[in-house]
Amino acid sequence: MPRKLPKREILNQLINSFWTLICFAPVVWFWIKHDIGRYFYLFLALSLIIAILPERIFIALSLSSRRRVYEKLGVKKIRRLVQNGTVVNAVTNGQKRLVVTGVFQAKQYLKTIAMYERFHWVCFTFFLLTTIRCFCVSDIKLGLAITAANILYNVCSILLQQYNKLRILKITGHSVVRITKG
């Protein structure tokens, strides 16, 4: 008998699917409209290189080392409408909510945050290169739509991950923790 998914997992997947469909739609539409060719593969390759960059580059790309900066940019509002966010916690009454309580758990969660951040940097780069291509072929409306999607899907997510990293680092007592594999 298949296992029944908890309400929390279902909501998280619905939220992920919603944002992914909405924000990838203009990118996919551009490449369908203008044919997948050498630019697509070049942009994809350049974007994927981001995933293998050393950790110190992502640390250098952090907006701030102070949580307050992120809070002023509205990260707490962003956190409402994402997986494991405020809305999901409210609807599920905190059911199976991830609570980081110790240094080991914090270091494990930092690895997850690093993975999410890299993913969104890869997508940010691909969206940005696609936007530039839009403007080069005079598809201004689609370029603006992809820019908006990039801000919504990637910039907000990157800021949220950087903010979460700062919150978790407070538990470890470090200003920067090297995230190691294994």
C-alpha atoms as a PDB file:
ATOM      1  CA  MET A   1       0.000   0.000   0.000  1.00  0.00           C
ATOM      2  CA  PRO A   2       1.486   3.413  -0.954  1.00  0.00           C
ATOM      3  CA  ARG A   3       2.319   5.679   1.919  1.00  0.00           C
ATOM      4  CA  LYS A   4       0.097   8.691   2.437  1.00  0.00           C
ATOM      5  CA  LEU A   5       1.947  12.000   2.145  1.00  0.00           C
ATOM      6  CA  PRO A   6       1.551  14.330   5.102  1.00  0.00           C
ATOM      7  CA  LYS A   7      -0.231  17.618   4.452  1.00  0.00           C
ATOM      8  CA  ARG A   8       3.057  19.486   4.966  1.00  0.00           C
ATOM      9  CA  GLU A   9       4.842  17.611   2.153  1.00  0.00           C
ATOM     10  CA  ILE A  10       1.900  18.111  -0.209  1.00  0.00           C
ATOM     11  CA  LEU A  11       1.763  21.850   0.501  1.00  0.00           C
ATOM     12  CA  ASN A  12       5.519  22.189   0.052  1.00  0.00           C
ATOM     13  CA  GLN A  13       5.388  20.432  -3.309  1.00  0.00           C
ATOM     14  CA  LEU A  14       2.414  22.531  -4.444  1.00  0.00           C
ATOM     15  CA  ILE A  15       4.262  25.718  -3.519  1.00  0.00           C
ATOM     16  CA  ASN A  16       7.438  24.557  -5.289  1.00  0.00           C
ATOM     17  CA  SER A  17       5.500  23.523  -8.380  1.00  0.00           C
ATOM     18  CA  PHE A  18       3.556  26.783  -8.481  1.00  0.00           C
ATOM     19  CA  TRP A  19       6.629  29.044  -8.320  1.00  0.00           C
ATOM     20  CA  THR A  20       8.603  26.864 -10.725  1.00  0.00           C
ATOM     21  CA  LEU A  21       5.821  26.763 -13.339  1.00  0.00           C
ATOM     22  CA  ILE A  22       5.094  30.488 -13.107  1.00  0.00           C
ATOM     23  CA  CYS A  23       8.725  31.619 -13.202  1.00  0.00           C
ATOM     24  CA  PHE A  24      10.093  29.135 -15.743  1.00  0.00           C
ATOM     25  CA  ALA A  25       7.184  29.747 -18.152  1.00  0.00           C
ATOM     26  CA  PRO A  26       8.629  32.879 -19.815  1.00  0.00           C
ATOM     27  CA  VAL A  27      12.068  31.271 -20.108  1.00  0.00           C
ATOM     28  CA  VAL A  28      10.649  28.134 -21.708  1.00  0.00           C
ATOM     29  CA  TRP A  29       8.426  30.244 -23.959  1.00  0.00           C
ATOM     30  CA  PHE A  30      11.415  32.258 -25.174  1.00  0.00           C
ATOM     31  CA  TRP A  31      13.418  29.170 -26.107  1.00  0.00           C
ATOM     32  CA  ILE A  32      10.420  27.563 -27.833  1.00  0.00           C
ATOM     33  CA  LYS A  33       9.724  30.771 -29.723  1.00  0.00           C
ATOM     34  CA  HIS A  34      13.352  31.388 -30.746  1.00  0.00           C
ATOM     35  CA  ASP A  35      14.530  27.788 -31.144  1.00  0.00           C
ATOM     36  CA  ILE A  36      16.855  25.910 -28.888  1.00  0.00           C
ATOM     37  CA  GLY A  37      20.259  26.170 -30.466  1.00  0.00           C
ATOM     38  CA  ARG A  38      23.848  27.067 -29.719  1.00  0.00           C
ATOM     39  CA  TYR A  39      22.954  29.963 -27.402  1.00  0.00           C
ATOM     40  CA  PHE A  40      20.739  27.747 -25.282  1.00  0.00           C
ATOM     41  CA  TYR A  41      23.483  25.144 -24.837  1.00  0.00           C
ATOM     42  CA  LEU A  42      26.153  27.776 -24.254  1.00  0.00           C
ATOM     43  CA  PHE A  43      24.021  29.508 -21.624  1.00  0.00           C
ATOM     44  CA  LEU A  44      23.185  26.189 -19.993  1.00  0.00           C
ATOM     45  CA  ALA A  45      26.861  25.222 -19.816  1.00  0.00           C
ATOM     46  CA  LEU A  46      27.884  28.608 -18.407  1.00  0.00           C
ATOM     47  CA  SER A  47      25.105  28.412 -15.822  1.00  0.00           C
ATOM     48  CA  LEU A  48      26.022  24.900 -14.722  1.00  0.00           C
ATOM     49  CA  ILE A  49      29.612  25.980 -14.109  1.00  0.00           C
ATOM     50  CA  ILE A  50      28.226  28.071 -11.235  1.00  0.00           C
ATOM     51  CA  ALA A  51      27.279  24.854  -9.409  1.00  0.00           C
ATOM     52  CA  ILE A  52      30.911  23.738  -9.118  1.00  0.00           C
ATOM     53  CA  LEU A  53      32.410  27.032  -7.965  1.00  0.00           C
ATOM     54  CA  PRO A  54      34.233  26.964  -4.616  1.00  0.00           C
ATOM     55  CA  GLU A  55      32.267  27.835  -1.503  1.00  0.00           C
ATOM     56  CA  ARG A  56      34.346  30.968  -0.872  1.00  0.00           C
ATOM     57  CA  ILE A  57      32.805  32.550  -3.979  1.00  0.00           C
ATOM     58  CA  PHE A  58      29.306  32.112  -2.583  1.00  0.00           C
ATOM     59  CA  ILE A  59      30.448  33.575   0.726  1.00  0.00           C
ATOM     60  CA  ALA A  60      31.858  36.562  -1.187  1.00  0.00           C
ATOM     61  CA  LEU A  61      28.558  36.912  -3.066  1.00  0.00           C
ATOM     62  CA  SER A  62      26.599  37.208   0.176  1.00  0.00           C
ATOM     63  CA  LEU A  63      24.846  40.535   0.418  1.00  0.00           C
ATOM     64  CA  SER A  64      25.603  41.069   4.098  1.00  0.00           C
ATOM     65  CA  SER A  65      26.786  39.402   7.270  1.00  0.00           C
ATOM     66  CA  ARG A  66      23.982  41.105   9.210  1.00  0.00           C
ATOM     67  CA  ARG A  67      20.481  39.643   9.411  1.00  0.00           C
ATOM     68  CA  ARG A  68      18.947  43.096   9.749  1.00  0.00           C
ATOM     69  CA  VAL A  69      19.959  43.979   6.156  1.00  0.00           C
ATOM     70  CA  TYR A  70      17.956  41.032   4.830  1.00  0.00           C
ATOM     71  CA  GLU A  71      15.020  41.824   7.080  1.00  0.00           C
ATOM     72  CA  LYS A  72      14.915  45.392   5.718  1.00  0.00           C
ATOM     73  CA  LEU A  73      14.749  43.913   2.199  1.00  0.00           C
ATOM     74  CA  GLY A  74      11.624  41.954   3.180  1.00  0.00           C
ATOM     75  CA  VAL A  75      13.023  38.444   3.577  1.00  0.00           C
ATOM     76  CA  LYS A  76      10.503  37.707   6.316  1.00  0.00           C
ATOM     77  CA  LYS A  77       7.711  38.457   3.827  1.00  0.00           C
ATOM     78  CA  ILE A  78       9.352  36.196   1.237  1.00  0.00           C
ATOM     79  CA  ARG A  79       9.545  33.442   3.844  1.00  0.00           C
ATOM     80  CA  ARG A  80       5.757  33.398   4.118  1.00  0.00           C
ATOM     81  CA  LEU A  81       5.177  31.920   0.659  1.00  0.00           C
ATOM     82  CA  VAL A  82       7.926  29.337   0.255  1.00  0.00           C
ATOM     83  CA  GLN A  83       8.335  25.688   1.221  1.00  0.00           C
ATOM     84  CA  ASN A  84       8.448  25.238   4.984  1.00  0.00           C
ATOM     85  CA  GLY A  85       7.492  28.898   5.254  1.00  0.00           C
ATOM     86  CA  THR A  86       5.155  30.732   7.578  1.00  0.00           C
ATOM     87  CA  VAL A  87       1.993  29.813   5.651  1.00  0.00           C
ATOM     88  CA  VAL A  88       2.873  26.104   5.525  1.00  0.00           C
ATOM     89  CA  ASN A  89       3.673  26.139   9.248  1.00  0.00           C
ATOM     90  CA  ALA A  90       0.366  27.850  10.035  1.00  0.00           C
ATOM     91  CA  VAL A  91      -1.744  25.531   7.869  1.00  0.00           C
ATOM     92  CA  THR A  92      -0.080  22.372   9.205  1.00  0.00           C
ATOM     93  CA  ASN A  93       0.116  23.619  12.803  1.00  0.00           C
ATOM     94  CA  GLY A  94       3.874  23.063  12.762  1.00  0.00           C
ATOM     95  CA  GLN A  95       3.423  19.352  11.850  1.00  0.00           C
ATOM     96  CA  LYS A  96       6.910  17.840  11.329  1.00  0.00           C
ATOM     97  CA  ARG A  97       8.395  21.318  11.301  1.00  0.00           C
ATOM     98  CA  LEU A  98      12.164  21.463  10.978  1.00  0.00           C
ATOM     99  CA  VAL A  99      13.606  22.959  14.132  1.00  0.00           C
ATOM    100  CA  VAL A 100      17.378  23.219  14.342  1.00  0.00           C
ATOM    101  CA  THR A 101      18.383  22.712  17.941  1.00  0.00           C
ATOM    102  CA  GLY A 102      22.057  21.785  18.003  1.00  0.00           C
ATOM    103  CA  VAL A 103      25.362  22.372  16.268  1.00  0.00           C
ATOM    104  CA  PHE A 104      25.324  19.029  14.396  1.00  0.00           C
ATOM    105  CA  GLN A 105      21.811  19.651  13.082  1.00  0.00           C
ATOM    106  CA  ALA A 106      22.787  23.216  12.173  1.00  0.00           C
ATOM    107  CA  LYS A 107      25.782  22.050  10.141  1.00  0.00           C
ATOM    108  CA  GLN A 108      23.615  19.499   8.339  1.00  0.00           C
ATOM    109  CA  TYR A 109      21.028  22.148   7.517  1.00  0.00           C
ATOM    110  CA  LEU A 110      23.768  24.484   6.266  1.00  0.00           C
ATOM    111  CA  LYS A 111      24.546  21.874   3.608  1.00  0.00           C
ATOM    112  CA  THR A 112      20.913  21.960   2.486  1.00  0.00           C
ATOM    113  CA  ILE A 113      20.953  25.757   2.390  1.00  0.00           C
ATOM    114  CA  ALA A 114      24.162  25.683   0.322  1.00  0.00           C
ATOM    115  CA  MET A 115      22.529  23.310  -2.182  1.00  0.00           C
ATOM    116  CA  TYR A 116      19.447  25.543  -2.537  1.00  0.00           C
ATOM    117  CA  GLU A 117      21.603  28.644  -2.899  1.00  0.00           C
ATOM    118  CA  ARG A 118      23.754  27.066  -5.638  1.00  0.00           C
ATOM    119  CA  PHE A 119      20.641  25.892  -7.480  1.00  0.00           C
ATOM    120  CA  HIS A 120      19.215  29.403  -7.517  1.00  0.00           C
ATOM    121  CA  TRP A 121      22.543  30.918  -8.605  1.00  0.00           C
ATOM    122  CA  VAL A 122      22.564  28.477 -11.540  1.00  0.00           C
ATOM    123  CA  CYS A 123      18.990  29.430 -12.447  1.00  0.00           C
ATOM    124  CA  PHE A 124      19.736  33.135 -11.919  1.00  0.00           C
ATOM    125  CA  THR A 125      22.601  32.941 -14.386  1.00  0.00           C
ATOM    126  CA  PHE A 126      20.553  31.064 -16.987  1.00  0.00           C
ATOM    127  CA  PHE A 127      17.622  33.477 -16.622  1.00  0.00           C
ATOM    128  CA  LEU A 128      19.982  36.473 -16.874  1.00  0.00           C
ATOM    129  CA  LEU A 129      21.704  35.172 -20.009  1.00  0.00           C
ATOM    130  CA  THR A 130      18.311  34.379 -21.519  1.00  0.00           C
ATOM    131  CA  THR A 131      17.152  37.918 -20.717  1.00  0.00           C
ATOM    132  CA  ILE A 132      20.185  39.365 -22.468  1.00  0.00           C
ATOM    133  CA  ARG A 133      19.407  37.172 -25.481  1.00  0.00           C
ATOM    134  CA  CYS A 134      15.799  38.433 -25.424  1.00  0.00           C
ATOM    135  CA  PHE A 135      16.978  42.013 -25.677  1.00  0.00           C
ATOM    136  CA  CYS A 136      19.461  41.087 -28.430  1.00  0.00           C
ATOM    137  CA  VAL A 137      16.635  39.682 -30.561  1.00  0.00           C
ATOM    138  CA  SER A 138      14.354  42.630 -29.638  1.00  0.00           C
ATOM    139  CA  ASP A 139      11.900  40.542 -27.626  1.00  0.00           C
ATOM    140  CA  ILE A 140      11.567  43.265 -24.987  1.00  0.00           C
ATOM    141  CA  LYS A 141       8.303  42.113 -23.374  1.00  0.00           C
ATOM    142  CA  LEU A 142       9.578  38.589 -22.847  1.00  0.00           C
ATOM    143  CA  GLY A 143      12.906  39.981 -21.595  1.00  0.00           C
ATOM    144  CA  LEU A 144      11.065  42.040 -18.985  1.00  0.00           C
ATOM    145  CA  ALA A 145       8.928  39.039 -18.008  1.00  0.00           C
ATOM    146  CA  ILE A 146      12.036  36.885 -17.532  1.00  0.00           C
ATOM    147  CA  THR A 147      13.677  39.652 -15.497  1.00  0.00           C
ATOM    148  CA  ALA A 148      10.642  39.772 -13.201  1.00  0.00           C
ATOM    149  CA  ALA A 149      10.652  35.965 -12.933  1.00  0.00           C
ATOM    150  CA  ASN A 150      14.380  36.005 -12.160  1.00  0.00           C
ATOM    151  CA  ILE A 151      13.885  38.449  -9.310  1.00  0.00           C
ATOM    152  CA  LEU A 152      10.926  36.538  -7.945  1.00  0.00           C
ATOM    153  CA  TYR A 153      12.293  33.011  -8.304  1.00  0.00           C
ATOM    154  CA  ASN A 154      16.052  33.435  -7.883  1.00  0.00           C
ATOM    155  CA  VAL A 155      16.998  36.740  -6.287  1.00  0.00           C
ATOM    156  CA  CYS A 156      14.392  36.364  -3.530  1.00  0.00           C
ATOM    157  CA  SER A 157      15.428  32.738  -2.957  1.00  0.00           C
ATOM    158  CA  ILE A 158      19.136  33.582  -2.828  1.00  0.00           C
ATOM    159  CA  LEU A 159      18.482  36.337  -0.297  1.00  0.00           C
ATOM    160  CA  LEU A 160      16.328  33.960   1.744  1.00  0.00           C
ATOM    161  CA  GLN A 161      19.048  31.281   1.758  1.00  0.00           C
ATOM    162  CA  GLN A 162      21.703  33.814   2.767  1.00  0.00           C
ATOM    163  CA  TYR A 163      19.437  35.014   5.573  1.00  0.00           C
ATOM    164  CA  ASN A 164      18.737  31.450   6.711  1.00  0.00           C
ATOM    165  CA  LYS A 165      22.468  30.763   6.711  1.00  0.00           C
ATOM    166  CA  LEU A 166      23.031  33.692   9.075  1.00  0.00           C
ATOM    167  CA  ARG A 167      20.262  32.477  11.382  1.00  0.00           C
ATOM    168  CA  ILE A 168      21.730  28.957  11.494  1.00  0.00           C
ATOM    169  CA  LEU A 169      25.293  30.214  11.950  1.00  0.00           C
ATOM    170  CA  LYS A 170      24.127  31.902  15.140  1.00  0.00           C
ATOM    171  CA  ILE A 171      23.381  28.428  16.557  1.00  0.00           C
ATOM    172  CA  THR A 172      26.871  27.175  15.685  1.00  0.00           C
ATOM    173  CA  GLY A 173      28.529  30.225  17.198  1.00  0.00           C
ATOM    174  CA  HIS A 174      30.473  30.922  13.984  1.00  0.00           C
ATOM    175  CA  SER A 175      30.336  33.848  11.619  1.00  0.00           C
ATOM    176  CA  VAL A 176      31.187  31.541   8.690  1.00  0.00           C
ATOM    177  CA  VAL A 177      31.192  27.741   8.740  1.00  0.00           C
ATOM    178  CA  ARG A 178      32.941  25.744   6.073  1.00  0.00           C
ATOM    179  CA  ILE A 179      30.409  23.348   4.636  1.00  0.00           C
ATOM    180  CA  THR A 180      32.066  20.001   4.029  1.00  0.00           C
ATOM    181  CA  LYS A 181      30.765  16.954   2.229  1.00  0.00           C
ATOM    182  CA  GLY A 182      30.044  13.777   4.147  1.00  0.00           C
END
